[in-house]
Amino acid sequence: MSAVIALLLGVLAAGYAVWPWLKGARGDSLLDEGSKDMNANVENDAAAFRDWSVKAGELS
C-alpha cells in the first residue's frame, strides 16, 4: 500500500515539474507547437480539398 502511495506521489511530483514547461512558462511550449502543427495541417487539408473540388467541378 505504501508503494502505491509513493508511486502516486512520484507521478504527482513529475507532473508538477513538467506541466509549466508544457504550458510554456519555461520557454518553448510543446502544447503550442502541437497546436501550430495541427492548424497548419488543417489549412493544408482545406487547400487540398479546395483544389480537388475545383478539379472535380471541371470534370463534370
N, C-alpha and C. Protein backbone atom coordinates (compact mmCIF):
# COMPACT_ATOMS: atom_id res chain seq x y z
N MET A 1 0.83 -1.19 0.00
CA MET A 1 0.00 0.00 0.00
C MET A 1 0.87 1.26 0.00
N SER A 2 1.92 1.22 0.79
CA SER A 2 2.80 2.39 0.84
C SER A 2 3.54 2.58 -0.49
N ALA A 3 3.79 1.46 -1.19
CA ALA A 3 4.43 1.57 -2.50
C ALA A 3 3.50 2.27 -3.50
N VAL A 4 2.23 1.99 -3.40
CA VAL A 4 1.26 2.63 -4.29
C VAL A 4 1.19 4.13 -4.00
N ILE A 5 1.19 4.49 -2.73
CA ILE A 5 1.15 5.90 -2.36
C ILE A 5 2.43 6.60 -2.82
N ALA A 6 3.57 5.95 -2.65
CA ALA A 6 4.84 6.53 -3.10
C ALA A 6 4.84 6.71 -4.62
N LEU A 7 4.30 5.75 -5.33
CA LEU A 7 4.23 5.85 -6.78
C LEU A 7 3.33 7.01 -7.21
N LEU A 8 2.19 7.14 -6.57
CA LEU A 8 1.28 8.24 -6.89
C LEU A 8 1.92 9.59 -6.59
N LEU A 9 2.63 9.69 -5.48
CA LEU A 9 3.30 10.94 -5.14
C LEU A 9 4.42 11.24 -6.15
N GLY A 10 5.10 10.22 -6.62
CA GLY A 10 6.13 10.41 -7.64
C GLY A 10 5.55 10.90 -8.95
N VAL A 11 4.42 10.33 -9.34
CA VAL A 11 3.74 10.77 -10.57
C VAL A 11 3.26 12.21 -10.42
N LEU A 12 2.74 12.54 -9.25
CA LEU A 12 2.28 13.90 -9.00
C LEU A 12 3.44 14.89 -9.05
N ALA A 13 4.57 14.53 -8.45
CA ALA A 13 5.74 15.40 -8.46
C ALA A 13 6.28 15.58 -9.87
N ALA A 14 6.31 14.52 -10.65
CA ALA A 14 6.79 14.61 -12.02
C ALA A 14 5.86 15.50 -12.86
N GLY A 15 4.57 15.35 -12.67
CA GLY A 15 3.61 16.19 -13.38
C GLY A 15 3.74 17.65 -13.00
N TYR A 16 3.98 17.90 -11.72
CA TYR A 16 4.16 19.27 -11.24
C TYR A 16 5.41 19.89 -11.84
N ALA A 17 6.45 19.09 -12.05
CA ALA A 17 7.70 19.60 -12.61
C ALA A 17 7.58 19.83 -14.11
N VAL A 18 6.79 19.04 -14.81
CA VAL A 18 6.73 19.10 -16.27
C VAL A 18 5.64 20.04 -16.76
N TRP A 19 4.55 20.22 -16.02
CA TRP A 19 3.40 20.98 -16.51
C TRP A 19 3.73 22.42 -16.91
N PRO A 20 4.51 23.18 -16.12
CA PRO A 20 4.82 24.55 -16.56
C PRO A 20 5.58 24.57 -17.88
N TRP A 21 6.44 23.58 -18.09
CA TRP A 21 7.17 23.51 -19.35
C TRP A 21 6.22 23.22 -20.51
N LEU A 22 5.26 22.33 -20.26
CA LEU A 22 4.27 22.06 -21.31
C LEU A 22 3.42 23.29 -21.60
N LYS A 23 3.10 24.06 -20.57
CA LYS A 23 2.30 25.26 -20.75
C LYS A 23 3.09 26.39 -21.39
N GLY A 24 4.41 26.34 -21.33
CA GLY A 24 5.21 27.37 -21.95
C GLY A 24 5.81 28.35 -20.97
N ALA A 25 5.65 28.12 -19.67
CA ALA A 25 6.19 29.04 -18.68
C ALA A 25 7.72 29.01 -18.66
N ARG A 26 8.31 27.96 -19.21
CA ARG A 26 9.76 27.84 -19.21
C ARG A 26 10.32 27.85 -20.63
N GLY A 27 9.82 28.72 -21.45
CA GLY A 27 10.35 28.80 -22.81
C GLY A 27 9.38 28.22 -23.81
N ASP A 28 9.89 27.41 -24.71
CA ASP A 28 9.06 26.83 -25.77
C ASP A 28 8.01 25.91 -25.19
N SER A 29 6.84 25.99 -25.71
CA SER A 29 5.74 25.18 -25.25
C SER A 29 5.47 24.04 -26.23
N LEU A 30 5.46 22.85 -25.71
CA LEU A 30 5.14 21.71 -26.56
C LEU A 30 3.68 21.75 -27.00
N LEU A 31 2.81 22.23 -26.10
CA LEU A 31 1.39 22.29 -26.45
C LEU A 31 1.16 23.30 -27.57
N ASP A 32 1.84 24.45 -27.53
CA ASP A 32 1.68 25.45 -28.58
C ASP A 32 2.22 24.94 -29.90
N GLU A 33 3.39 24.29 -29.85
CA GLU A 33 3.96 23.77 -31.08
C GLU A 33 3.03 22.75 -31.73
N GLY A 34 2.43 21.90 -30.90
CA GLY A 34 1.50 20.91 -31.43
C GLY A 34 0.29 21.55 -32.06
N SER A 35 -0.22 22.61 -31.43
CA SER A 35 -1.41 23.25 -32.00
C SER A 35 -1.06 24.00 -33.28
N LYS A 36 0.16 24.55 -33.36
CA LYS A 36 0.57 25.20 -34.61
C LYS A 36 0.66 24.18 -35.73
N ASP A 37 1.24 23.03 -35.43
CA ASP A 37 1.35 21.98 -36.44
C ASP A 37 -0.03 21.51 -36.87
N MET A 38 -0.94 21.37 -35.90
CA MET A 38 -2.27 20.90 -36.21
C MET A 38 -3.01 21.92 -37.07
N ASN A 39 -2.86 23.22 -36.74
CA ASN A 39 -3.50 24.25 -37.55
C ASN A 39 -2.95 24.27 -38.96
N ALA A 40 -1.64 24.08 -39.10
CA ALA A 40 -1.05 24.04 -40.44
C ALA A 40 -1.57 22.84 -41.22
N ASN A 41 -1.73 21.71 -40.55
CA ASN A 41 -2.26 20.53 -41.23
C ASN A 41 -3.70 20.76 -41.68
N VAL A 42 -4.50 21.41 -40.84
CA VAL A 42 -5.90 21.68 -41.20
C VAL A 42 -5.94 22.62 -42.40
N GLU A 43 -5.08 23.65 -42.39
CA GLU A 43 -5.06 24.59 -43.52
C GLU A 43 -4.61 23.89 -44.80
N ASN A 44 -3.63 23.03 -44.70
CA ASN A 44 -3.17 22.29 -45.88
C ASN A 44 -4.26 21.36 -46.40
N ASP A 45 -4.96 20.70 -45.49
CA ASP A 45 -6.05 19.81 -45.90
C ASP A 45 -7.16 20.60 -46.57
N ALA A 46 -7.47 21.78 -46.03
CA ALA A 46 -8.53 22.60 -46.62
C ALA A 46 -8.13 23.06 -48.02
N ALA A 47 -6.87 23.43 -48.18
CA ALA A 47 -6.41 23.86 -49.50
C ALA A 47 -6.44 22.69 -50.49
N ALA A 48 -6.04 21.53 -50.03
CA ALA A 48 -6.07 20.35 -50.91
C ALA A 48 -7.50 20.01 -51.30
N PHE A 49 -8.43 20.15 -50.37
CA PHE A 49 -9.83 19.86 -50.68
C PHE A 49 -10.38 20.88 -51.68
N ARG A 50 -10.01 22.15 -51.51
CA ARG A 50 -10.46 23.16 -52.48
C ARG A 50 -9.93 22.85 -53.87
N ASP A 51 -8.65 22.50 -53.93
CA ASP A 51 -8.07 22.15 -55.23
C ASP A 51 -8.78 20.95 -55.85
N TRP A 52 -9.05 19.96 -55.03
CA TRP A 52 -9.72 18.76 -55.52
C TRP A 52 -11.13 19.09 -55.99
N SER A 53 -11.85 19.92 -55.22
CA SER A 53 -13.23 20.21 -55.59
C SER A 53 -13.29 21.05 -56.87
N VAL A 54 -12.30 21.92 -57.09
CA VAL A 54 -12.25 22.68 -58.33
C VAL A 54 -12.01 21.74 -59.51
N LYS A 55 -11.07 20.82 -59.35
CA LYS A 55 -10.78 19.87 -60.42
C LYS A 55 -11.98 18.97 -60.69
N ALA A 56 -12.68 18.57 -59.62
CA ALA A 56 -13.86 17.73 -59.79
C ALA A 56 -14.96 18.51 -60.53
N GLY A 57 -15.06 19.80 -60.22
CA GLY A 57 -16.05 20.63 -60.90
C GLY A 57 -15.74 20.80 -62.38
N GLU A 58 -14.45 20.85 -62.71
CA GLU A 58 -14.06 20.99 -64.11
C GLU A 58 -14.35 19.72 -64.90
N LEU A 59 -14.28 18.57 -64.24
CA LEU A 59 -14.51 17.31 -64.94
C LEU A 59 -15.98 17.04 -65.19
N SER A 60 -16.83 17.59 -64.33
CA SER A 60 -18.25 17.26 -64.51
C SER A 60 -18.96 18.20 -65.44
